PDB file of N, CA and C in Angstrom:
ATOM      1  N   MET A   1      -8.493 -68.911 101.794  1.00  0.00           N
ATOM      2  CA  MET A   1      -8.134 -68.048 102.925  1.00  0.00           C
ATOM      3  C   MET A   1      -6.622 -67.783 102.905  1.00  0.00           C
ATOM      4  N   THR A   2      -5.851 -68.839 102.692  1.00  0.00           N
ATOM      5  CA  THR A   2      -4.395 -68.671 102.684  1.00  0.00           C
ATOM      6  C   THR A   2      -3.992 -67.742 101.547  1.00  0.00           C
ATOM      7  N   HIS A   3      -4.696 -67.863 100.425  1.00  0.00           N
ATOM      8  CA  HIS A   3      -4.370 -67.029  99.264  1.00  0.00           C
ATOM      9  C   HIS A   3      -4.544 -65.551  99.620  1.00  0.00           C
ATOM     10  N   TRP A   4      -5.645 -65.252 100.301  1.00  0.00           N
ATOM     11  CA  TRP A   4      -5.917 -63.857 100.675  1.00  0.00           C
ATOM     12  C   TRP A   4      -4.821 -63.337 101.590  1.00  0.00           C
ATOM     13  N   ARG A   5      -4.421 -64.180 102.544  1.00  0.00           N
ATOM     14  CA  ARG A   5      -3.395 -63.754 103.498  1.00  0.00           C
ATOM     15  C   ARG A   5      -2.074 -63.511 102.773  1.00  0.00           C
ATOM     16  N   LEU A   6      -1.767 -64.356 101.826  1.00  0.00           N
ATOM     17  CA  LEU A   6      -0.510 -64.207 101.087  1.00  0.00           C
ATOM     18  C   LEU A   6      -0.520 -62.887 100.317  1.00  0.00           C
ATOM     19  N   ARG A   7      -1.654 -62.623  99.707  1.00  0.00           N
ATOM     20  CA  ARG A   7      -1.766 -61.388  98.924  1.00  0.00           C
ATOM     21  C   ARG A   7      -1.618 -60.169  99.833  1.00  0.00           C
ATOM     22  N   SER A   8      -2.255 -60.222 100.983  1.00  0.00           N
ATOM     23  CA  SER A   8      -2.176 -59.102 101.924  1.00  0.00           C
ATOM     24  C   SER A   8      -0.725 -58.892 102.349  1.00  0.00           C
ATOM     25  N   SER A   9      -0.024 -59.994 102.585  1.00  0.00           N
ATOM     26  CA  SER A   9       1.383 -59.909 103.009  1.00  0.00           C
ATOM     27  C   SER A   9       2.212 -59.260 101.900  1.00  0.00           C
ATOM     28  N   LEU A  10       1.967 -59.685 100.677  1.00  0.00           N
ATOM     29  CA  LEU A  10       2.726 -59.148  99.544  1.00  0.00           C
ATOM     30  C   LEU A  10       2.490 -57.644  99.418  1.00  0.00           C
ATOM     31  N   ILE A  11       1.234 -57.241  99.556  1.00  0.00           N
ATOM     32  CA  ILE A  11       0.897 -55.814  99.445  1.00  0.00           C
ATOM     33  C   ILE A  11       1.632 -55.021 100.520  1.00  0.00           C
ATOM     34  N   HIS A  12       1.663 -55.579 101.737  1.00  0.00           N
ATOM     35  CA  HIS A  12       2.340 -54.889 102.842  1.00  0.00           C
ATOM     36  C   HIS A  12       3.820 -54.719 102.533  1.00  0.00           C
ATOM     37  N   VAL A  13       4.419 -55.772 101.998  1.00  0.00           N
ATOM     38  CA  VAL A  13       5.855 -55.733 101.681  1.00  0.00           C
ATOM     39  C   VAL A  13       6.123 -54.694 100.598  1.00  0.00           C
ATOM     40  N   LEU A  14       5.271 -54.686  99.582  1.00  0.00           N
ATOM     41  CA  LEU A  14       5.462 -53.738  98.479  1.00  0.00           C
ATOM     42  C   LEU A  14       5.280 -52.306  98.975  1.00  0.00           C
ATOM     43  N   ALA A  15       4.282 -52.122  99.826  1.00  0.00           N
ATOM     44  CA  ALA A  15       4.006 -50.774 100.340  1.00  0.00           C
ATOM     45  C   ALA A  15       5.157 -50.300 101.222  1.00  0.00           C
ATOM     46  N   GLY A  16       5.786 -51.232 101.929  1.00  0.00           N
ATOM     47  CA  GLY A  16       6.890 -50.867 102.820  1.00  0.00           C
ATOM     48  C   GLY A  16       8.180 -50.645 102.052  1.00  0.00           C
ATOM     49  N   ASN A  17       8.241 -51.142 100.848  1.00  0.00           N
ATOM     50  CA  ASN A  17       9.477 -50.994 100.060  1.00  0.00           C
ATOM     51  C   ASN A  17       9.580 -49.581  99.497  1.00  0.00           C
ATOM     52  N   ASN A  18      10.668 -48.916  99.797  1.00  0.00           N
ATOM     53  CA  ASN A  18      10.856 -47.547  99.301  1.00  0.00           C
ATOM     54  C   ASN A  18      11.116 -47.547  97.800  1.00  0.00           C
ATOM     55  N   SER A  19      11.911 -48.516  97.359  1.00  0.00           N
ATOM     56  CA  SER A  19      12.238 -48.602  95.933  1.00  0.00           C
ATOM     57  C   SER A  19      10.962 -48.783  95.117  1.00  0.00           C
ATOM     58  N   MET A  20      10.014 -49.547  95.677  1.00  0.00           N
ATOM     59  CA  MET A  20       8.757 -49.794  94.969  1.00  0.00           C
ATOM     60  C   MET A  20       8.025 -48.464  94.782  1.00  0.00           C
ATOM     61  N   MET A  21       8.002 -47.662  95.837  1.00  0.00           N
ATOM     62  CA  MET A  21       7.308 -46.374  95.763  1.00  0.00           C
ATOM     63  C   MET A  21       7.985 -45.467  94.732  1.00  0.00           C
ATOM     64  N   LEU A  22       9.307 -45.501  94.723  1.00  0.00           N
ATOM     65  CA  LEU A  22      10.058 -44.679  93.764  1.00  0.00           C
ATOM     66  C   LEU A  22       9.730 -45.119  92.347  1.00  0.00           C
ATOM     67  N   LEU A  23       9.645 -46.439  92.163  1.00  0.00           N
ATOM     68  CA  LEU A  23       9.363 -46.973  90.835  1.00  0.00           C
ATOM     69  C   LEU A  23       7.992 -46.495  90.378  1.00  0.00           C
ATOM     70  N   VAL A  24       7.027 -46.581  91.280  1.00  0.00           N
ATOM     71  CA  VAL A  24       5.667 -46.141  90.942  1.00  0.00           C
ATOM     72  C   VAL A  24       5.670 -44.654  90.596  1.00  0.00           C
ATOM     73  N   GLY A  25       6.443 -43.875  91.364  1.00  0.00           N
ATOM     74  CA  GLY A  25       6.509 -42.436  91.113  1.00  0.00           C
ATOM     75  C   GLY A  25       7.090 -42.155  89.735  1.00  0.00           C
ATOM     76  N   ASN A  26       8.128 -42.895  89.394  1.00  0.00           N
ATOM     77  CA  ASN A  26       8.758 -42.703  88.084  1.00  0.00           C
ATOM     78  C   ASN A  26       7.778 -43.061  86.982  1.00  0.00           C
ATOM     79  N   PHE A  27       7.037 -44.154  87.201  1.00  0.00           N
ATOM     80  CA  PHE A  27       6.069 -44.606  86.204  1.00  0.00           C
ATOM     81  C   PHE A  27       4.986 -43.549  86.012  1.00  0.00           C
ATOM     82  N   GLY A  28       4.516 -42.999  87.140  1.00  0.00           N
ATOM     83  CA  GLY A  28       3.471 -41.970  87.077  1.00  0.00           C
ATOM     84  C   GLY A  28       3.973 -40.735  86.350  1.00  0.00           C
ATOM     85  N   LYS A  29       5.255 -40.424  86.569  1.00  0.00           N
ATOM     86  CA  LYS A  29       5.818 -39.240  85.915  1.00  0.00           C
ATOM     87  C   LYS A  29       5.878 -39.443  84.410  1.00  0.00           C
ATOM     88  N   ARG A  30       6.123 -40.678  84.012  1.00  0.00           N
ATOM     89  CA  ARG A  30       6.211 -40.959  82.565  1.00  0.00           C
ATOM     90  C   ARG A  30       4.832 -40.802  81.941  1.00  0.00           C
ATOM     91  N   LEU A  31       3.813 -41.291  82.672  1.00  0.00           N
ATOM     92  CA  LEU A  31       2.452 -41.193  82.142  1.00  0.00           C
ATOM     93  C   LEU A  31       2.003 -39.729  82.160  1.00  0.00           C
ATOM     94  N   ARG A  32       2.308 -39.047  83.265  1.00  0.00           N
ATOM     95  CA  ARG A  32       1.910 -37.637  83.384  1.00  0.00           C
ATOM     96  C   ARG A  32       3.130 -36.739  83.221  1.00  0.00           C
ATOM     97  N   ARG A  33       2.889 -35.481  83.034  1.00  0.00           N
ATOM     98  CA  ARG A  33       4.004 -34.537  82.865  1.00  0.00           C
ATOM     99  C   ARG A  33       4.704 -34.312  84.214  1.00  0.00           C
ATOM    100  N   PRO A  34       5.998 -34.053  84.201  1.00  0.00           N
ATOM    101  CA  PRO A  34       6.739 -33.805  85.440  1.00  0.00           C
ATOM    102  C   PRO A  34       6.192 -32.595  86.202  1.00  0.00           C
ATOM    103  N   SER A  35       5.335 -31.821  85.544  1.00  0.00           N
ATOM    104  CA  SER A  35       4.761 -30.646  86.203  1.00  0.00           C
ATOM    105  C   SER A  35       3.831 -31.074  87.335  1.00  0.00           C
ATOM    106  N   SER A  36       3.396 -32.343  87.294  1.00  0.00           N
ATOM    107  CA  SER A  36       2.485 -32.824  88.334  1.00  0.00           C
ATOM    108  C   SER A  36       3.157 -32.714  89.704  1.00  0.00           C
ATOM    109  N   PRO A  37       2.384 -32.478  90.767  1.00  0.00           N
ATOM    110  CA  PRO A  37       2.943 -32.318  92.117  1.00  0.00           C
ATOM    111  C   PRO A  37       3.739 -33.545  92.546  1.00  0.00           C
ATOM    112  N   LEU A  38       3.274 -34.721  92.155  1.00  0.00           N
ATOM    113  CA  LEU A  38       3.963 -35.951  92.557  1.00  0.00           C
ATOM    114  C   LEU A  38       5.369 -35.962  91.977  1.00  0.00           C
ATOM    115  N   GLY A  39       5.495 -35.593  90.716  1.00  0.00           N
ATOM    116  CA  GLY A  39       6.805 -35.607  90.067  1.00  0.00           C
ATOM    117  C   GLY A  39       7.727 -34.563  90.684  1.00  0.00           C
ATOM    118  N   ALA A  40       7.165 -33.403  91.007  1.00  0.00           N
ATOM    119  CA  ALA A  40       7.986 -32.331  91.578  1.00  0.00           C
ATOM    120  C   ALA A  40       8.458 -32.729  92.979  1.00  0.00           C
ATOM    121  N   ARG A  41       7.623 -33.494  93.688  1.00  0.00           N
ATOM    122  CA  ARG A  41       7.990 -33.887  95.050  1.00  0.00           C
ATOM    123  C   ARG A  41       9.048 -34.983  95.031  1.00  0.00           C
ATOM    124  N   ASP A  42       9.129 -35.737  93.928  1.00  0.00           N
ATOM    125  CA  ASP A  42      10.085 -36.847  93.858  1.00  0.00           C
ATOM    126  C   ASP A  42      11.493 -36.307  93.610  1.00  0.00           C
ATOM    127  N   PRO A  43      12.405 -36.463  94.571  1.00  0.00           N
ATOM    128  CA  PRO A  43      13.770 -35.956  94.399  1.00  0.00           C
ATOM    129  C   PRO A  43      14.502 -36.657  93.253  1.00  0.00           C
ATOM    130  N   ALA A  44      14.233 -37.953  93.085  1.00  0.00           N
ATOM    131  CA  ALA A  44      14.905 -38.715  92.026  1.00  0.00           C
ATOM    132  C   ALA A  44      14.515 -38.153  90.657  1.00  0.00           C
ATOM    133  N   GLY A  45      13.276 -37.707  90.538  1.00  0.00           N
ATOM    134  CA  GLY A  45      12.816 -37.191  89.248  1.00  0.00           C
ATOM    135  C   GLY A  45      13.453 -35.847  88.928  1.00  0.00           C
ATOM    136  N   VAL A  46      13.741 -35.059  89.954  1.00  0.00           N
ATOM    137  CA  VAL A  46      14.324 -33.731  89.732  1.00  0.00           C
ATOM    138  C   VAL A  46      15.734 -33.861  89.184  1.00  0.00           C
ATOM    139  N   VAL A  47      16.474 -34.827  89.708  1.00  0.00           N
ATOM    140  CA  VAL A  47      17.877 -35.000  89.289  1.00  0.00           C
ATOM    141  C   VAL A  47      17.922 -35.373  87.816  1.00  0.00           C
TER     142      VAL A  47
END
């Protein structure tokens, strides 16, 4: 039970982290072409 709670907490922290989201976006852009909507929406990727 404690393990599940810890995992849930970690997920919440990661989801709340902006840098984490940016990292995921960058990773997705590398896998997919920047033409994808996600890459175009990411300001960091445009720069």
